[in-house]
């Protein structure tokens, strides 16, 4: 099936759908560096580097009949394009452009990704944002199912919960269980941070290079999967740190952050190394446990985390591994940027992305839905039995993936 990716970022969402057999025919991303990353890794896809609010879908020279699905993650920050309007009303946000494209192309399905907080967000008039989103899609002919997925359930070495709004034409059956992809691993066998990155070159602060050789052979299935088709390690450059910062990192133990260090190693005021800063961000400089999935990698992960074993921040490649980007996926633009620079750095691109393995699981589930639509339409077939029966057929048993047989029914809502 053919898809369009809106608010495409560096392409994590698209890449997961690609791994599930979908064909991306168009991506729209206004950030220059993120679109360059997308184009570099998807040379056959048309990428438009423009603000979506300025685009008319009718001018894109794509036949409506060629579009089977639309995916994307409209940014939720602010939920506003105007200061005087309700900042939490999605009808005042970039969300309306997602609806606009869905209305024009009338795809078989759409998937819209967002952060968990959107489910509890309300407007000034006390309406739930999620209800308004469902209503707006209903107005253009779609029913919406909302599911919450955690990336670590799908082989990603990261605990990352995200919300997915899945839309189907109003004449299609939409069941609370049917579109939730089955978990692919049991909790005791989640991919750990150490399993994800332990084969990468050992580098200290300020070391590394944009292209390096692998120092060792893959040590586990995850590393084998990430290294398929790759002969070199890209984007593996460690940030430079002052000695004071390295000493602070050395004092932080597993599970601790900057808030746990002594006064000797505490943060200093900018421009005054002798004065302790009154502001301490507890999420900064966290040293994650190596033998568990990493906590959520966000756009600011270059300052959120330090390596579990070395006294430095993660590299872009380590972040990409934690997000399940394959090593063949090469990131463009600067590694980091200052606050006044307008383009998205490699770290920001990676942290903003939908993990490809999570996107792949969701894409496979949507394919399964359309392949079994006739059975789903049969009211005599037990939905719960169909869901359980699909677990084995949905998994890649060649990779010895473990199946969690519990139901994810409490994770979904329908409108």
Protein backbone atom coordinates (compact mmCIF):
# COMPACT_ATOMS: atom_id res chain seq x y z
CA UNK A 1 0.00 0.00 0.00
CA UNK A 2 1.10 3.56 -0.72
CA UNK A 3 1.42 6.11 2.08
CA UNK A 4 2.00 9.83 2.53
CA UNK A 5 3.97 10.99 5.57
CA UNK A 6 2.99 14.39 6.99
CA UNK A 7 5.22 16.15 9.54
CA UNK A 8 7.66 13.46 8.46
CA UNK A 9 10.71 14.50 10.49
CA UNK A 10 13.73 12.38 9.70
CA UNK A 11 11.58 9.44 8.62
CA UNK A 12 11.24 6.97 11.50
CA UNK A 13 7.51 6.50 11.00
CA UNK A 14 7.91 5.96 7.26
CA UNK A 15 10.83 3.58 7.73
CA UNK A 16 8.78 1.32 9.98
CA UNK A 17 6.00 1.19 7.40
CA UNK A 18 8.61 0.52 4.72
CA UNK A 19 9.91 -2.47 6.71
CA UNK A 20 6.32 -3.75 6.78
CA UNK A 21 6.10 -3.62 2.98
CA UNK A 22 4.49 -0.21 2.43
CA UNK A 23 5.59 2.25 -0.21
CA UNK A 24 6.10 5.89 0.74
CA UNK A 25 5.27 8.17 -2.20
CA UNK A 26 5.47 11.58 -0.52
CA UNK A 27 6.83 13.17 2.63
CA UNK A 28 6.27 16.71 3.88
CA UNK A 29 8.68 18.20 6.44
CA UNK A 30 9.43 21.88 6.80
CA UNK A 31 12.74 21.53 8.69
CA UNK A 32 15.67 21.56 6.28
CA UNK A 33 18.01 19.17 8.10
CA UNK A 34 15.29 16.68 8.97
CA UNK A 35 14.09 16.65 5.35
CA UNK A 36 17.70 16.19 4.20
CA UNK A 37 17.97 13.15 6.45
CA UNK A 38 14.71 11.81 5.05
CA UNK A 39 15.81 12.38 1.45
CA UNK A 40 19.28 10.90 2.00
CA UNK A 41 17.80 7.67 3.33
CA UNK A 42 14.83 7.59 0.95
CA UNK A 43 16.19 8.80 -2.40
CA UNK A 44 13.17 7.52 -4.34
CA UNK A 45 10.61 9.41 -2.26
CA UNK A 46 9.46 12.92 -3.15
CA UNK A 47 10.16 15.14 -0.13
CA UNK A 48 8.65 18.60 0.13
CA UNK A 49 10.56 20.92 2.46
CA UNK A 50 7.81 23.45 3.09
CA UNK A 51 5.35 24.53 5.75
CA UNK A 52 2.31 22.29 5.35
CA UNK A 53 -0.04 25.20 6.07
CA UNK A 54 1.02 26.77 2.77
CA UNK A 55 0.40 23.65 0.69
CA UNK A 56 -2.69 22.79 -1.31
CA UNK A 57 -2.94 18.98 -1.63
CA UNK A 58 -4.50 19.47 -5.04
CA UNK A 59 -1.24 20.97 -6.31
CA UNK A 60 0.92 17.98 -5.36
CA UNK A 61 0.36 16.06 -8.61
CA UNK A 62 -0.54 12.86 -6.78
CA UNK A 63 -3.63 10.94 -7.78
CA UNK A 64 -6.13 10.44 -4.98
CA UNK A 65 -6.44 6.79 -6.03
CA UNK A 66 -2.70 6.27 -5.43
CA UNK A 67 -2.91 7.06 -1.70
CA UNK A 68 -3.88 4.18 0.59
CA UNK A 69 -2.79 5.67 3.89
CA UNK A 70 -1.63 8.87 5.57
CA UNK A 71 0.67 8.82 8.59
CA UNK A 72 2.26 11.55 10.67
CA UNK A 73 2.69 13.25 14.00
CA UNK A 74 1.52 16.87 14.12
CA UNK A 75 3.49 18.72 16.81
CA UNK A 76 1.38 19.23 19.91
CA UNK A 77 3.40 22.12 21.38
CA UNK A 78 1.07 24.98 22.11
CA UNK A 79 -1.78 23.63 19.98
CA UNK A 80 -2.12 27.12 18.58
CA UNK A 81 -1.37 29.26 15.58
CA UNK A 82 -2.80 32.41 17.16
CA UNK A 83 -2.25 33.94 20.58
CA UNK A 84 -5.88 34.92 21.18
CA UNK A 85 -7.43 31.55 20.46
CA UNK A 86 -7.67 28.60 22.83
CA UNK A 87 -4.15 27.22 22.83
CA UNK A 88 -5.32 23.69 23.62
CA UNK A 89 -8.04 23.48 20.98
CA UNK A 90 -6.64 21.28 18.19
CA UNK A 91 -8.83 23.12 15.68
CA UNK A 92 -6.42 26.04 16.13
CA UNK A 93 -3.37 23.89 15.46
CA UNK A 94 -1.48 22.06 12.74
CA UNK A 95 -3.81 19.15 13.37
CA UNK A 96 -6.33 20.78 11.00
CA UNK A 97 -3.84 20.36 8.15
CA UNK A 98 -3.67 16.63 8.85
CA UNK A 99 -7.49 16.54 8.62
CA UNK A 100 -7.36 18.64 5.46
CA UNK A 101 -5.06 16.14 3.71
CA UNK A 102 -7.15 13.18 4.90
CA UNK A 103 -10.30 14.83 3.56
CA UNK A 104 -8.71 15.50 0.15
CA UNK A 105 -7.05 12.12 -0.44
CA UNK A 106 -9.72 10.00 1.31
CA UNK A 107 -7.25 7.16 2.16
CA UNK A 108 -8.22 3.72 3.39
CA UNK A 109 -6.67 4.54 6.75
CA UNK A 110 -4.64 7.11 8.62
CA UNK A 111 -2.39 6.96 11.68
CA UNK A 112 -1.64 10.06 13.73
CA UNK A 113 0.95 9.84 16.52
CA UNK A 114 1.21 12.04 19.60
CA UNK A 115 2.36 12.15 23.21
CA UNK A 116 0.46 10.46 26.03
CA UNK A 117 -0.58 13.78 27.59
CA UNK A 118 -2.94 14.53 24.72
CA UNK A 119 -5.48 12.08 26.19
CA UNK A 120 -5.95 14.16 29.34
CA UNK A 121 -5.65 17.58 27.69
CA UNK A 122 -8.73 19.83 27.78
CA UNK A 123 -9.67 23.08 26.10
CA UNK A 124 -10.79 26.23 27.91
CA UNK A 125 -14.37 25.03 27.50
CA UNK A 126 -13.40 21.75 29.28
CA UNK A 127 -13.68 19.59 26.18
CA UNK A 128 -11.21 16.77 25.83
CA UNK A 129 -8.84 17.34 22.94
CA UNK A 130 -9.08 13.68 21.95
CA UNK A 131 -12.86 14.01 21.59
CA UNK A 132 -12.51 17.05 19.33
CA UNK A 133 -9.97 15.19 17.20
CA UNK A 134 -12.37 12.26 16.81
CA UNK A 135 -15.22 14.64 15.94
CA UNK A 136 -13.19 16.46 13.28
CA UNK A 137 -12.26 13.18 11.59
CA UNK A 138 -15.86 12.01 11.85
CA UNK A 139 -16.89 15.13 9.96
CA UNK A 140 -14.75 13.97 7.00
CA UNK A 141 -16.02 10.38 7.06
CA UNK A 142 -13.76 8.47 9.47
CA UNK A 143 -14.14 6.52 12.68
CA UNK A 144 -11.22 6.76 15.09
CA UNK A 145 -9.61 4.26 17.44
CA UNK A 146 -7.09 5.51 20.00
CA UNK A 147 -4.43 3.10 21.25
CA UNK A 148 -1.51 3.50 23.64
CA UNK A 149 1.62 1.56 22.74
CA UNK A 150 4.92 1.16 24.58
CA UNK A 151 7.90 0.76 22.28
CA UNK A 152 9.61 -1.82 24.48
CA UNK A 153 6.76 -4.26 23.80
CA UNK A 154 7.84 -4.32 20.15
CA UNK A 155 11.56 -4.95 20.49
CA UNK A 156 12.70 -1.33 20.97
CA UNK A 157 15.26 -0.98 23.80
CA UNK A 158 13.33 1.91 25.30
CA UNK A 159 10.31 2.50 27.49
CA UNK A 160 8.38 4.98 25.35
CA UNK A 161 4.60 5.30 25.52
CA UNK A 162 2.89 7.06 22.67
CA UNK A 163 -0.70 7.57 21.51
CA UNK A 164 -1.85 6.58 18.04
CA UNK A 165 -5.11 7.77 16.50
CA UNK A 166 -6.05 5.22 13.84
CA UNK A 167 -8.78 6.16 11.41
CA UNK A 168 -10.83 4.01 9.04
CA UNK A 169 -13.62 4.89 6.65
CA UNK A 170 -16.93 5.10 8.50
CA UNK A 171 -18.29 2.04 6.67
CA UNK A 172 -15.45 -0.14 7.96
CA UNK A 173 -15.76 -2.13 11.20
CA UNK A 174 -13.67 -0.63 13.98
CA UNK A 175 -13.13 -2.74 17.07
CA UNK A 176 -11.35 -1.78 20.27
CA UNK A 177 -9.04 -4.79 20.14
CA UNK A 178 -8.58 -5.46 16.47
CA UNK A 179 -6.06 -2.73 15.55
CA UNK A 180 -3.76 -3.10 18.56
CA UNK A 181 -0.61 -4.95 17.46
CA UNK A 182 0.23 -7.89 19.72
CA UNK A 183 3.27 -7.49 21.95
CA UNK A 184 6.33 -9.19 20.49
CA UNK A 185 8.33 -9.81 23.67
CA UNK A 186 7.63 -10.73 27.26
CA UNK A 187 8.67 -8.17 29.87
CA UNK A 188 11.50 -10.31 31.24
CA UNK A 189 13.05 -10.38 27.77
CA UNK A 190 12.80 -6.73 26.79
CA UNK A 191 15.83 -5.52 24.82
CA UNK A 192 18.13 -3.69 27.23
CA UNK A 193 20.21 -0.59 26.69
CA UNK A 194 23.41 -2.63 26.96
CA UNK A 195 22.17 -5.09 24.34
CA UNK A 196 21.41 -2.20 22.01
CA UNK A 197 24.76 -0.36 22.03
CA UNK A 198 27.51 -2.60 23.43
CA UNK A 199 29.01 -3.42 20.01
CA UNK A 200 29.66 0.22 19.04
CA UNK A 201 33.21 1.67 19.16
CA UNK A 202 34.37 2.60 22.66
CA UNK A 203 34.89 6.35 22.78
CA UNK A 204 35.30 8.93 25.53
CA UNK A 205 34.17 12.56 25.56
CA UNK A 206 35.32 14.42 22.45
CA UNK A 207 36.29 11.26 20.60
CA UNK A 208 34.78 9.37 17.67
CA UNK A 209 34.17 10.08 14.00
CA UNK A 210 31.39 10.32 11.46
CA UNK A 211 32.53 7.01 9.90
CA UNK A 212 34.17 4.21 11.92
CA UNK A 213 34.71 0.49 11.70
CA UNK A 214 32.85 -1.95 13.90
CA UNK A 215 35.23 -3.09 16.67
CA UNK A 216 33.47 -6.42 17.34
CA UNK A 217 30.99 -8.79 15.78
CA UNK A 218 27.30 -8.49 16.72
CA UNK A 219 26.69 -9.89 20.20
CA UNK A 220 22.93 -10.52 20.02
CA UNK A 221 19.92 -10.62 17.69
CA UNK A 222 19.15 -6.92 18.14
CA UNK A 223 22.65 -5.90 17.05
CA UNK A 224 22.47 -8.27 14.09
CA UNK A 225 19.19 -6.66 13.06
CA UNK A 226 20.54 -3.12 13.41
CA UNK A 227 23.69 -3.94 11.41
CA UNK A 228 22.03 -5.61 8.41
CA UNK A 229 23.50 -4.17 5.24
CA UNK A 230 25.90 -1.87 7.13
CA UNK A 231 29.68 -2.02 6.87
CA UNK A 232 30.51 1.05 9.00
CA UNK A 233 29.30 2.97 12.04
CA UNK A 234 28.02 6.47 11.21
CA UNK A 235 27.18 9.48 13.41
CA UNK A 236 29.13 8.12 16.40
CA UNK A 237 30.86 11.23 17.73
CA UNK A 238 30.92 12.05 21.43
CA UNK A 239 30.34 15.59 22.64
CA UNK A 240 33.22 17.51 24.20
CA UNK A 241 32.89 18.08 27.94
CA UNK A 242 34.79 20.22 30.44
CA UNK A 243 36.71 18.38 33.15
CA UNK A 244 34.20 19.68 35.69
CA UNK A 245 31.38 18.04 33.75
CA UNK A 246 33.29 14.76 33.36
CA UNK A 247 33.91 14.74 37.12
CA UNK A 248 30.19 15.31 37.73
CA UNK A 249 29.27 12.44 35.43
CA UNK A 250 31.71 10.17 37.29
CA UNK A 251 29.83 10.86 40.53
CA UNK A 252 26.45 9.79 39.11
CA UNK A 253 25.44 6.17 39.67
CA UNK A 254 22.92 4.02 37.78
CA UNK A 255 19.44 5.49 38.08
CA UNK A 256 20.73 8.80 39.40
CA UNK A 257 20.88 12.24 37.80
CA UNK A 258 22.40 15.65 38.49
CA UNK A 259 20.05 16.16 41.44
CA UNK A 260 21.85 13.38 43.33
CA UNK A 261 25.39 14.80 43.18
CA UNK A 262 27.15 16.54 46.05
CA UNK A 263 27.66 20.30 46.17
CA UNK A 264 31.16 19.79 44.80
CA UNK A 265 29.75 18.50 41.51
CA UNK A 266 26.50 20.48 41.34
CA UNK A 267 25.59 22.76 38.47
CA UNK A 268 27.12 26.22 38.38
CA UNK A 269 25.63 29.51 37.25
CA UNK A 270 26.33 30.35 33.64
CA UNK A 271 29.46 32.53 33.50
CA UNK A 272 30.24 32.06 37.22
CA UNK A 273 31.95 28.76 38.00
CA UNK A 274 32.12 29.58 41.73
CA UNK A 275 28.38 30.01 42.27
CA UNK A 276 25.96 27.09 42.48
CA UNK A 277 22.95 27.31 40.20
CA UNK A 278 19.59 27.57 41.89
CA UNK A 279 18.00 25.67 39.01
CA UNK A 280 18.50 21.93 38.89
CA UNK A 281 16.67 19.95 36.23
CA UNK A 282 16.23 16.51 37.75
CA UNK A 283 15.99 14.84 34.32
CA UNK A 284 19.39 16.10 33.21
CA UNK A 285 22.52 13.93 33.25
CA UNK A 286 20.68 10.73 34.15
CA UNK A 287 22.73 7.54 34.03
CA UNK A 288 20.25 4.84 32.97
CA UNK A 289 20.42 1.25 34.14
CA UNK A 290 22.28 -0.70 31.44
CA UNK A 291 20.37 -3.95 31.75
CA UNK A 292 16.90 -2.47 31.34
CA UNK A 293 15.26 -0.63 28.45
CA UNK A 294 16.35 2.99 28.35
CA UNK A 295 13.85 5.63 29.55
CA UNK A 296 12.20 7.73 26.85
CA UNK A 297 14.64 9.35 24.43
CA UNK A 298 13.30 12.85 23.76
CA UNK A 299 14.58 15.63 21.52
CA UNK A 300 16.82 16.84 24.37
CA UNK A 301 18.41 13.46 25.05
CA UNK A 302 21.93 14.82 24.50
CA UNK A 303 21.60 16.48 27.93
CA UNK A 304 19.07 14.12 29.51
CA UNK A 305 21.33 11.08 29.60
CA UNK A 306 24.90 10.03 30.15
CA UNK A 307 26.31 6.73 28.94
CA UNK A 308 25.82 3.87 31.42
CA UNK A 309 29.55 3.07 31.48
CA UNK A 310 31.40 6.15 30.19
CA UNK A 311 31.46 9.71 31.52
CA UNK A 312 29.88 11.39 28.52
CA UNK A 313 26.53 11.95 26.86
CA UNK A 314 25.12 9.54 24.30
CA UNK A 315 26.22 9.92 20.70
CA UNK A 316 23.68 10.38 17.92
CA UNK A 317 24.25 6.77 16.81
CA UNK A 318 23.64 5.45 20.30
CA UNK A 319 20.39 7.42 20.38
CA UNK A 320 19.48 6.00 16.97
CA UNK A 321 20.11 2.45 18.24
CA UNK A 322 17.89 3.14 21.27
CA UNK A 323 15.19 4.33 18.86
CA UNK A 324 15.68 1.21 16.65
CA UNK A 325 16.99 3.03 13.58
CA UNK A 326 19.21 0.66 11.57
CA UNK A 327 22.90 1.55 11.21
CA UNK A 328 22.35 2.18 7.50
CA UNK A 329 20.18 5.17 8.43
CA UNK A 330 22.50 8.18 8.32
CA UNK A 331 21.56 11.51 9.90
CA UNK A 332 22.25 14.87 8.29
CA UNK A 333 22.70 18.36 9.72
CA UNK A 334 24.60 19.43 12.82
CA UNK A 335 24.91 17.03 15.74
CA UNK A 336 23.71 19.70 18.17
CA UNK A 337 22.43 23.26 17.90
CA UNK A 338 22.19 26.29 20.12
CA UNK A 339 18.75 27.45 21.24
CA UNK A 340 18.66 30.27 18.68
CA UNK A 341 19.43 28.03 15.71
CA UNK A 342 16.28 27.15 13.82
CA UNK A 343 16.99 23.75 12.28
CA UNK A 344 16.67 20.38 13.99
CA UNK A 345 19.95 18.78 15.06
CA UNK A 346 20.69 15.09 14.66
CA UNK A 347 19.80 14.57 18.33
CA UNK A 348 16.48 16.39 17.94
CA UNK A 349 15.62 14.48 14.78
CA UNK A 350 16.26 11.16 16.50
CA UNK A 351 14.42 12.06 19.70
CA UNK A 352 11.35 13.33 17.83
CA UNK A 353 10.99 10.22 15.68
CA UNK A 354 8.60 7.32 15.95
CA UNK A 355 10.78 4.23 16.59
CA UNK A 356 10.84 2.23 13.34
CA UNK A 357 10.26 -1.13 15.05
CA UNK A 358 7.16 0.25 16.78
CA UNK A 359 5.92 1.74 13.51
CA UNK A 360 6.56 -1.60 11.78
CA UNK A 361 4.41 -3.49 14.29
CA UNK A 362 1.58 -1.01 13.82
CA UNK A 363 1.89 -1.14 10.03
CA UNK A 364 1.82 -4.95 10.06
CA UNK A 365 -1.33 -4.86 12.15
CA UNK A 366 -3.05 -2.53 9.70
CA UNK A 367 -2.06 -4.86 6.85
CA UNK A 368 -3.47 -7.78 8.81
CA UNK A 369 -6.73 -5.87 9.26
CA UNK A 370 -7.23 -5.31 5.54
CA UNK A 371 -6.20 -8.89 4.71
CA UNK A 372 -8.85 -10.20 7.12
CA UNK A 373 -11.57 -7.61 6.51
CA UNK A 374 -14.08 -10.20 5.34
CA UNK A 375 -13.69 -12.23 8.51
CA UNK A 376 -13.85 -9.09 10.64
CA UNK A 377 -17.12 -8.18 8.91
CA UNK A 378 -18.56 -11.57 9.90
CA UNK A 379 -20.41 -10.96 13.15
CA UNK A 380 -20.30 -14.69 13.92
CA UNK A 381 -16.53 -14.58 14.38
CA UNK A 382 -15.31 -13.88 17.89
CA UNK A 383 -13.10 -10.78 17.79
CA UNK A 384 -11.16 -11.91 20.86
CA UNK A 385 -10.51 -15.31 19.25
CA UNK A 386 -9.33 -13.61 16.05
CA UNK A 387 -6.97 -11.37 17.97
CA UNK A 388 -5.44 -14.31 19.84
CA UNK A 389 -5.22 -16.39 16.67
CA UNK A 390 -3.37 -13.61 14.88
CA UNK A 391 -0.54 -13.48 17.42
CA UNK A 392 1.53 -16.25 15.86
CA UNK A 393 0.87 -15.30 12.26
CA UNK A 394 1.79 -11.71 12.98
CA UNK A 395 5.25 -12.46 14.40
CA UNK A 396 8.57 -13.15 12.70
CA UNK A 397 9.36 -16.49 14.26
CA UNK A 398 12.67 -16.76 12.39
CA UNK A 399 14.08 -14.23 14.85
CA UNK A 400 12.92 -16.32 17.84
CA UNK A 401 10.65 -13.53 19.01
CA UNK A 402 8.80 -14.26 22.23
CA UNK A 403 5.06 -13.74 22.45
CA UNK A 404 3.24 -12.20 25.38
CA UNK A 405 -0.17 -13.86 25.41
CA UNK A 406 -1.96 -11.27 27.52
CA UNK A 407 -4.60 -8.98 26.01
CA UNK A 408 -3.97 -5.29 25.40
CA UNK A 409 -7.67 -4.48 25.58
CA UNK A 410 -7.26 -1.84 28.31
CA UNK A 411 -5.00 0.19 26.02
CA UNK A 412 -7.58 1.18 23.44
CA UNK A 413 -10.56 3.45 23.03
CA UNK A 414 -12.98 3.89 20.14
CA UNK A 415 -15.08 6.85 19.07
